[in-house]
Structure formats: C-alpha cells, structure tokens
Amino acid sequence: METEGPIDSFQGEYRFLSNFWPCKVEMDGQEYASTEHAYQASKFDRKDREPFLTCTPGAAKRMGRGRVVQSGNKLAVMEMLVRQKFSAEPLRSMLLATGDRQIIEGNTWGDVFWGVCGGVGANHLGILLMQTREELRHAR
C-alpha cells in the first residue's frame, strides 16, 4: 500500500475502509454483516431490525435514510462499530498498513457529515478510522 498523500476514496485497495465492506459486528446482541447494516439498524427499535440481517448494505442504507439513531448519538454508535470492525484480522493489519496517511471519506453523493464532497465536509468517518488506527497502534 502507498505511504504518500491522503486516502481520499474507499475504492480499490482501500475499499475495506467502507462501511459496506463485509465484516461481522455485534450490536445489542445481534450480529450484522457490515458496519452499514448495524448502523442503519440502530435507527430502528430492536423488534424492527430483522430486515437488516438479510439485506445488502445498500438496501440497509436506503431503509435507514431519513431516520435518526435511536440512542441519539450517531458518532458513538459509529465509533463502537468501527472499533469492532478493525479489532480482528485481517482488517486490523490492513488499517494499520495505512500508516500515518490522512483518511478522507471522499464521496460524490453529498455526505458532508461522515465524509467530504467537493472539498467540503466534516469527515467524521475518516476521523474515526484514524483514531481507531492510532488506538490499535498503541495497543500492540
């Protein structure tokens, strides 16, 4: 993996940084197939989360559109899920292999909360990924 410049697209060799990447994460005693599945499910009452167990990540995102995380703290939910995702191999090593590169969730769909679109955005997902990488580095 390269060691120069920011990672500003979760495509190609960096696709694993995407919330759509298959990985097992647990939330409220239920296992989900990706962080996207679990995050979108967190917007629903537990009794209404079953559709998130069998759908695609894209379908999960569509189902959650326009809803808010039940706990009211979407950053805390995403942080918990990102930490889980990268706590196990091989994703742990893959994230660590990004070195000190800045991680930017660059997108074209206008998400300026989790990422950056057209040079504008808070990049909260990128920040969480870099924080998780730093935590993993110090946990060695």
N, C-alpha and C. Protein backbone atom coordinates (compact mmCIF):
# COMPACT_ATOMS: atom_id res chain seq x y z
N MET A 1 0.85 -1.18 0.00
CA MET A 1 0.00 0.00 0.00
C MET A 1 0.89 1.24 0.00
N GLU A 2 0.43 2.27 -0.62
CA GLU A 2 1.18 3.52 -0.71
C GLU A 2 1.38 4.14 0.66
N THR A 3 2.38 5.00 0.75
CA THR A 3 2.63 5.70 2.01
C THR A 3 2.60 7.21 1.82
N GLU A 4 2.17 7.67 0.66
CA GLU A 4 2.18 9.10 0.38
C GLU A 4 0.78 9.61 0.15
N GLY A 5 0.54 10.85 0.55
CA GLY A 5 -0.73 11.51 0.29
C GLY A 5 -1.90 10.90 1.03
N PRO A 6 -3.00 11.62 1.04
CA PRO A 6 -4.19 11.14 1.75
C PRO A 6 -4.88 10.00 1.00
N ILE A 7 -5.59 9.19 1.75
CA ILE A 7 -6.50 8.20 1.17
C ILE A 7 -7.83 8.92 1.11
N ASP A 8 -8.28 9.24 -0.09
CA ASP A 8 -9.49 10.06 -0.21
C ASP A 8 -10.62 9.37 -0.98
N SER A 9 -10.50 8.06 -1.12
CA SER A 9 -11.54 7.27 -1.77
C SER A 9 -11.51 5.86 -1.22
N PHE A 10 -12.65 5.35 -0.84
CA PHE A 10 -12.74 4.00 -0.30
C PHE A 10 -13.04 3.02 -1.42
N GLN A 11 -12.20 3.07 -2.46
CA GLN A 11 -12.30 2.20 -3.63
C GLN A 11 -10.98 1.46 -3.80
N GLY A 12 -10.98 0.49 -4.71
CA GLY A 12 -9.76 -0.25 -5.00
C GLY A 12 -9.18 -0.88 -3.76
N GLU A 13 -7.86 -0.69 -3.54
CA GLU A 13 -7.20 -1.32 -2.41
C GLU A 13 -7.68 -0.79 -1.06
N TYR A 14 -8.41 0.32 -1.06
CA TYR A 14 -8.91 0.89 0.19
C TYR A 14 -10.42 0.69 0.37
N ARG A 15 -10.99 -0.17 -0.44
CA ARG A 15 -12.43 -0.47 -0.33
C ARG A 15 -12.78 -0.99 1.07
N PHE A 16 -11.84 -1.66 1.71
CA PHE A 16 -12.09 -2.23 3.04
C PHE A 16 -12.43 -1.17 4.08
N LEU A 17 -12.11 0.10 3.82
CA LEU A 17 -12.44 1.17 4.76
C LEU A 17 -13.92 1.52 4.73
N SER A 18 -14.60 1.14 3.68
CA SER A 18 -16.03 1.44 3.52
C SER A 18 -16.88 0.69 4.54
N ASN A 19 -17.94 1.33 4.98
CA ASN A 19 -18.90 0.67 5.87
C ASN A 19 -19.64 -0.47 5.17
N PHE A 20 -19.57 -0.53 3.85
CA PHE A 20 -20.21 -1.60 3.09
C PHE A 20 -19.37 -2.89 3.08
N TRP A 21 -18.10 -2.80 3.49
CA TRP A 21 -17.20 -3.96 3.46
C TRP A 21 -17.72 -5.05 4.39
N PRO A 22 -17.78 -6.29 3.90
CA PRO A 22 -18.29 -7.39 4.74
C PRO A 22 -17.41 -7.62 5.98
N CYS A 23 -18.04 -7.64 7.12
CA CYS A 23 -17.37 -7.94 8.39
C CYS A 23 -18.45 -8.22 9.41
N LYS A 24 -18.12 -9.00 10.40
CA LYS A 24 -19.10 -9.31 11.44
C LYS A 24 -18.96 -8.30 12.57
N VAL A 25 -20.06 -7.61 12.88
CA VAL A 25 -20.09 -6.71 14.03
C VAL A 25 -21.35 -7.03 14.82
N GLU A 26 -21.28 -6.79 16.12
CA GLU A 26 -22.39 -7.10 17.01
C GLU A 26 -22.93 -5.82 17.63
N MET A 27 -24.24 -5.76 17.70
CA MET A 27 -24.89 -4.64 18.35
C MET A 27 -26.16 -5.14 19.03
N ASP A 28 -26.30 -4.84 20.30
CA ASP A 28 -27.48 -5.24 21.07
C ASP A 28 -27.74 -6.74 20.98
N GLY A 29 -26.67 -7.53 21.00
CA GLY A 29 -26.80 -8.98 21.00
C GLY A 29 -27.08 -9.60 19.65
N GLN A 30 -27.05 -8.81 18.59
CA GLN A 30 -27.32 -9.32 17.24
C GLN A 30 -26.10 -9.10 16.36
N GLU A 31 -25.76 -10.10 15.53
CA GLU A 31 -24.63 -9.98 14.63
C GLU A 31 -25.11 -9.47 13.27
N TYR A 32 -24.35 -8.53 12.72
CA TYR A 32 -24.66 -7.94 11.41
C TYR A 32 -23.51 -8.19 10.45
N ALA A 33 -23.81 -8.11 9.15
CA ALA A 33 -22.85 -8.45 8.11
C ALA A 33 -21.91 -7.32 7.73
N SER A 34 -22.14 -6.11 8.24
CA SER A 34 -21.25 -4.98 7.97
C SER A 34 -21.58 -3.87 8.96
N THR A 35 -20.69 -2.90 9.03
CA THR A 35 -20.98 -1.76 9.90
C THR A 35 -22.18 -0.98 9.37
N GLU A 36 -22.37 -0.95 8.06
CA GLU A 36 -23.53 -0.25 7.48
C GLU A 36 -24.82 -0.89 7.94
N HIS A 37 -24.89 -2.22 7.89
CA HIS A 37 -26.08 -2.93 8.35
C HIS A 37 -26.41 -2.56 9.80
N ALA A 38 -25.40 -2.65 10.66
CA ALA A 38 -25.62 -2.39 12.09
C ALA A 38 -25.96 -0.93 12.35
N TYR A 39 -25.24 -0.02 11.70
CA TYR A 39 -25.50 1.41 11.92
C TYR A 39 -26.93 1.76 11.51
N GLN A 40 -27.35 1.31 10.34
CA GLN A 40 -28.71 1.63 9.89
C GLN A 40 -29.75 0.95 10.78
N ALA A 41 -29.47 -0.26 11.24
CA ALA A 41 -30.39 -0.95 12.15
C ALA A 41 -30.55 -0.18 13.46
N SER A 42 -29.49 0.53 13.87
CA SER A 42 -29.54 1.28 15.12
C SER A 42 -30.56 2.41 15.09
N LYS A 43 -31.08 2.69 13.93
CA LYS A 43 -32.10 3.73 13.77
C LYS A 43 -33.51 3.20 14.03
N PHE A 44 -33.61 1.91 14.29
CA PHE A 44 -34.91 1.25 14.47
C PHE A 44 -35.00 0.60 15.84
N ASP A 45 -36.21 0.42 16.32
CA ASP A 45 -36.43 -0.35 17.54
C ASP A 45 -35.91 -1.76 17.31
N ARG A 46 -35.44 -2.40 18.34
CA ARG A 46 -34.87 -3.76 18.21
C ARG A 46 -35.83 -4.72 17.53
N LYS A 47 -37.11 -4.62 17.81
CA LYS A 47 -38.09 -5.54 17.23
C LYS A 47 -38.25 -5.34 15.72
N ASP A 48 -37.77 -4.22 15.20
CA ASP A 48 -37.93 -3.90 13.78
C ASP A 48 -36.62 -4.04 12.98
N ARG A 49 -35.62 -4.69 13.54
CA ARG A 49 -34.31 -4.76 12.90
C ARG A 49 -34.09 -6.00 12.03
N GLU A 50 -35.00 -6.93 12.02
CA GLU A 50 -34.80 -8.17 11.28
C GLU A 50 -34.45 -7.98 9.80
N PRO A 51 -35.06 -7.03 9.09
CA PRO A 51 -34.70 -6.86 7.67
C PRO A 51 -33.22 -6.57 7.44
N PHE A 52 -32.54 -6.05 8.45
CA PHE A 52 -31.13 -5.71 8.30
C PHE A 52 -30.21 -6.93 8.38
N LEU A 53 -30.78 -8.06 8.72
CA LEU A 53 -29.99 -9.29 8.85
C LEU A 53 -29.77 -9.98 7.51
N THR A 54 -30.60 -9.67 6.52
CA THR A 54 -30.53 -10.39 5.25
C THR A 54 -30.39 -9.51 4.01
N CYS A 55 -30.40 -8.20 4.18
CA CYS A 55 -30.35 -7.30 3.02
C CYS A 55 -28.90 -6.97 2.64
N THR A 56 -28.75 -6.25 1.56
CA THR A 56 -27.43 -5.76 1.14
C THR A 56 -27.11 -4.49 1.93
N PRO A 57 -25.85 -4.08 1.97
CA PRO A 57 -25.52 -2.82 2.64
C PRO A 57 -26.25 -1.62 2.01
N GLY A 58 -26.38 -1.63 0.69
CA GLY A 58 -27.09 -0.54 0.01
C GLY A 58 -28.56 -0.48 0.40
N ALA A 59 -29.18 -1.65 0.51
CA ALA A 59 -30.58 -1.70 0.94
C ALA A 59 -30.70 -1.22 2.38
N ALA A 60 -29.74 -1.58 3.22
CA ALA A 60 -29.76 -1.11 4.61
C ALA A 60 -29.69 0.41 4.66
N LYS A 61 -28.82 0.99 3.84
CA LYS A 61 -28.68 2.44 3.81
C LYS A 61 -29.99 3.10 3.35
N ARG A 62 -30.61 2.53 2.35
CA ARG A 62 -31.88 3.09 1.86
C ARG A 62 -32.97 2.99 2.93
N MET A 63 -33.03 1.87 3.65
CA MET A 63 -34.05 1.70 4.69
C MET A 63 -33.85 2.71 5.83
N GLY A 64 -32.61 3.05 6.12
CA GLY A 64 -32.34 3.96 7.22
C GLY A 64 -32.40 5.43 6.86
N ARG A 65 -32.48 5.72 5.57
CA ARG A 65 -32.47 7.11 5.12
C ARG A 65 -33.60 7.91 5.77
N GLY A 66 -33.27 9.07 6.29
CA GLY A 66 -34.27 9.95 6.88
C GLY A 66 -34.59 9.64 8.33
N ARG A 67 -33.95 8.62 8.88
CA ARG A 67 -34.20 8.25 10.29
C ARG A 67 -32.97 8.62 11.12
N VAL A 68 -33.17 8.72 12.42
CA VAL A 68 -32.05 9.04 13.31
C VAL A 68 -31.76 7.85 14.22
N VAL A 69 -30.51 7.76 14.65
CA VAL A 69 -30.07 6.70 15.56
C VAL A 69 -30.91 6.77 16.83
N GLN A 70 -31.41 5.63 17.27
CA GLN A 70 -32.28 5.56 18.45
C GLN A 70 -31.64 6.17 19.69
N SER A 71 -30.34 5.94 19.89
CA SER A 71 -29.66 6.46 21.08
C SER A 71 -29.48 7.97 21.03
N GLY A 72 -29.62 8.54 19.84
CA GLY A 72 -29.42 9.97 19.68
C GLY A 72 -27.96 10.36 19.50
N ASN A 73 -27.04 9.40 19.56
CA ASN A 73 -25.62 9.71 19.44
C ASN A 73 -24.99 8.89 18.32
N LYS A 74 -25.15 9.38 17.09
CA LYS A 74 -24.68 8.62 15.94
C LYS A 74 -23.16 8.46 15.91
N LEU A 75 -22.43 9.43 16.42
CA LEU A 75 -20.98 9.30 16.45
C LEU A 75 -20.54 8.17 17.38
N ALA A 76 -21.19 8.04 18.53
CA ALA A 76 -20.83 6.97 19.48
C ALA A 76 -21.15 5.61 18.88
N VAL A 77 -22.27 5.49 18.19
CA VAL A 77 -22.65 4.21 17.56
C VAL A 77 -21.62 3.85 16.49
N MET A 78 -21.29 4.80 15.64
CA MET A 78 -20.33 4.52 14.57
C MET A 78 -18.95 4.21 15.14
N GLU A 79 -18.53 4.91 16.16
CA GLU A 79 -17.24 4.64 16.79
C GLU A 79 -17.18 3.21 17.31
N MET A 80 -18.22 2.78 17.98
CA MET A 80 -18.27 1.42 18.51
C MET A 80 -18.17 0.39 17.38
N LEU A 81 -18.88 0.63 16.29
CA LEU A 81 -18.88 -0.31 15.18
C LEU A 81 -17.53 -0.33 14.44
N VAL A 82 -16.94 0.83 14.24
CA VAL A 82 -15.64 0.90 13.56
C VAL A 82 -14.58 0.20 14.41
N ARG A 83 -14.60 0.41 15.71
CA ARG A 83 -13.64 -0.27 16.59
C ARG A 83 -13.78 -1.78 16.49
N GLN A 84 -15.03 -2.25 16.48
CA GLN A 84 -15.26 -3.70 16.35
C GLN A 84 -14.73 -4.22 15.02
N LYS A 85 -15.08 -3.52 13.96
CA LYS A 85 -14.69 -3.96 12.62
C LYS A 85 -13.19 -4.17 12.52
N PHE A 86 -12.42 -3.25 13.08
CA PHE A 86 -10.97 -3.30 12.91
C PHE A 86 -10.24 -3.95 14.09
N SER A 87 -11.00 -4.59 14.99
CA SER A 87 -10.37 -5.26 16.12
C SER A 87 -9.82 -6.64 15.74
N ALA A 88 -10.28 -7.19 14.64
CA ALA A 88 -9.89 -8.55 14.24
C ALA A 88 -9.10 -8.52 12.93
N GLU A 89 -8.33 -9.57 12.73
CA GLU A 89 -7.57 -9.73 11.48
C GLU A 89 -8.50 -10.26 10.40
N PRO A 90 -8.27 -9.94 9.15
CA PRO A 90 -7.12 -9.19 8.64
C PRO A 90 -7.33 -7.67 8.62
N LEU A 91 -8.54 -7.22 8.96
CA LEU A 91 -8.83 -5.78 8.85
C LEU A 91 -7.95 -4.94 9.79
N ARG A 92 -7.62 -5.48 10.93
CA ARG A 92 -6.75 -4.76 11.87
C ARG A 92 -5.43 -4.39 11.18
N SER A 93 -4.78 -5.38 10.60
CA SER A 93 -3.49 -5.15 9.92
C SER A 93 -3.65 -4.27 8.69
N MET A 94 -4.75 -4.41 8.01
CA MET A 94 -4.98 -3.59 6.81
C MET A 94 -5.10 -2.11 7.18
N LEU A 95 -5.81 -1.81 8.27
CA LEU A 95 -5.92 -0.42 8.72
C LEU A 95 -4.56 0.09 9.18
N LEU A 96 -3.85 -0.71 9.96
CA LEU A 96 -2.52 -0.29 10.42
C LEU A 96 -1.57 -0.04 9.25
N ALA A 97 -1.73 -0.78 8.16
CA ALA A 97 -0.86 -0.63 6.98
C ALA A 97 -1.06 0.70 6.27
N THR A 98 -2.10 1.44 6.62
CA THR A 98 -2.30 2.76 6.02
C THR A 98 -1.33 3.78 6.62
N GLY A 99 -0.56 3.35 7.61
CA GLY A 99 0.48 4.21 8.18
C GLY A 99 -0.06 5.45 8.84
N ASP A 100 0.51 6.58 8.47
CA ASP A 100 0.08 7.86 9.02
C ASP A 100 -0.72 8.68 8.01
N ARG A 101 -1.15 8.03 6.95
CA ARG A 101 -1.86 8.75 5.90
C ARG A 101 -3.20 9.28 6.42
N GLN A 102 -3.54 10.46 5.98
CA GLN A 102 -4.85 11.02 6.30
C GLN A 102 -5.90 10.19 5.58
N ILE A 103 -7.01 9.88 6.27
CA ILE A 103 -8.09 9.11 5.68
C ILE A 103 -9.30 10.02 5.54
N ILE A 104 -9.75 10.17 4.31
CA ILE A 104 -10.88 11.04 3.99
C ILE A 104 -11.95 10.21 3.30
N GLU A 105 -13.15 10.23 3.84
CA GLU A 105 -14.26 9.52 3.20
C GLU A 105 -14.78 10.42 2.09
N GLY A 106 -14.03 10.43 0.97
CA GLY A 106 -14.42 11.24 -0.18
C GLY A 106 -15.62 10.62 -0.88
N ASN A 107 -16.59 11.45 -1.22
CA ASN A 107 -17.78 10.92 -1.88
C ASN A 107 -18.34 11.93 -2.86
N THR A 108 -19.24 11.45 -3.70
CA THR A 108 -19.88 12.30 -4.71
C THR A 108 -21.38 12.44 -4.45
N TRP A 109 -21.86 11.87 -3.35
CA TRP A 109 -23.30 11.87 -3.07
C TRP A 109 -23.71 12.90 -2.03
N GLY A 110 -22.81 13.81 -1.68
CA GLY A 110 -23.18 14.94 -0.84
C GLY A 110 -23.12 14.70 0.66
N ASP A 111 -22.45 13.63 1.10
CA ASP A 111 -22.36 13.37 2.53
C ASP A 111 -21.22 14.20 3.12
N VAL A 112 -21.59 15.33 3.73
CA VAL A 112 -20.58 16.22 4.31
C VAL A 112 -20.50 16.06 5.83
N PHE A 113 -21.25 15.12 6.39
CA PHE A 113 -21.11 14.81 7.81
C PHE A 113 -20.07 13.71 7.98
N TRP A 114 -20.32 12.56 7.38
CA TRP A 114 -19.40 11.42 7.51
C TRP A 114 -18.17 11.59 6.63
N GLY A 115 -18.29 12.33 5.54
CA GLY A 115 -17.19 12.44 4.60
C GLY A 115 -16.97 13.84 4.09
N VAL A 116 -16.41 13.89 2.88
CA VAL A 116 -16.10 15.14 2.21
C VAL A 116 -16.59 15.02 0.78
N CYS A 117 -17.35 16.01 0.33
CA CYS A 117 -17.86 16.05 -1.05
C CYS A 117 -17.52 17.41 -1.63
N GLY A 118 -16.86 17.40 -2.77
CA GLY A 118 -16.50 18.66 -3.41
C GLY A 118 -15.60 19.53 -2.55
N GLY A 119 -14.76 18.91 -1.74
CA GLY A 119 -13.83 19.65 -0.89
C GLY A 119 -14.43 20.15 0.42
N VAL A 120 -15.70 19.83 0.68
CA VAL A 120 -16.38 20.30 1.88
C VAL A 120 -16.86 19.12 2.70
N GLY A 121 -16.65 19.18 4.00
CA GLY A 121 -17.20 18.14 4.86
C GLY A 121 -16.44 17.97 6.16
N ALA A 122 -17.14 17.42 7.15
CA ALA A 122 -16.57 17.21 8.48
C ALA A 122 -15.71 15.95 8.55
N ASN A 123 -15.92 15.00 7.65
CA ASN A 123 -15.12 13.78 7.57
C ASN A 123 -15.12 12.97 8.87
N HIS A 124 -16.25 12.87 9.54
CA HIS A 124 -16.30 12.15 10.80
C HIS A 124 -15.90 10.68 10.67
N LEU A 125 -16.27 10.03 9.56
CA LEU A 125 -15.86 8.62 9.40
C LEU A 125 -14.35 8.51 9.25
N GLY A 126 -13.77 9.37 8.44
CA GLY A 126 -12.32 9.36 8.29
C GLY A 126 -11.62 9.60 9.61
N ILE A 127 -12.13 10.52 10.40
CA ILE A 127 -11.55 10.83 11.71
C ILE A 127 -11.65 9.61 12.62
N LEU A 128 -12.81 8.94 12.64
CA LEU A 128 -12.97 7.74 13.47
C LEU A 128 -12.01 6.64 13.04
N LEU A 129 -11.81 6.49 11.74
CA LEU A 129 -10.87 5.49 11.24
C LEU A 129 -9.44 5.80 11.68
N MET A 130 -9.06 7.06 11.60
CA MET A 130 -7.70 7.44 12.02
C MET A 130 -7.53 7.29 13.53
N GLN A 131 -8.56 7.62 14.31
CA GLN A 131 -8.50 7.44 15.76
C GLN A 131 -8.37 5.95 16.11
N THR A 132 -9.15 5.12 15.43
CA THR A 132 -9.09 3.68 15.67
C THR A 132 -7.72 3.14 15.31
N ARG A 133 -7.17 3.60 14.20
CA ARG A 133 -5.82 3.18 13.80
C ARG A 133 -4.80 3.54 14.87
N GLU A 134 -4.91 4.73 15.42
CA GLU A 134 -3.99 5.17 16.46
C GLU A 134 -4.14 4.32 17.72
N GLU A 135 -5.37 4.00 18.10
CA GLU A 135 -5.61 3.13 19.25
C GLU A 135 -5.00 1.74 19.04
N LEU A 136 -5.16 1.20 17.83
CA LEU A 136 -4.59 -0.11 17.52
C LEU A 136 -3.07 -0.07 17.57
N ARG A 137 -2.51 1.00 17.10
CA ARG A 137 -1.06 1.15 17.08
C ARG A 137 -0.51 1.12 18.52
N HIS A 138 -1.21 1.75 19.43
CA HIS A 138 -0.74 1.81 20.82
C HIS A 138 -1.09 0.56 21.61
N ALA A 139 -1.98 -0.26 21.08
CA ALA A 139 -2.38 -1.49 21.78
C ALA A 139 -1.46 -2.65 21.49
N ARG A 140 -0.52 -2.47 20.62
CA ARG A 140 0.38 -3.57 20.22
C ARG A 140 1.21 -4.06 21.35
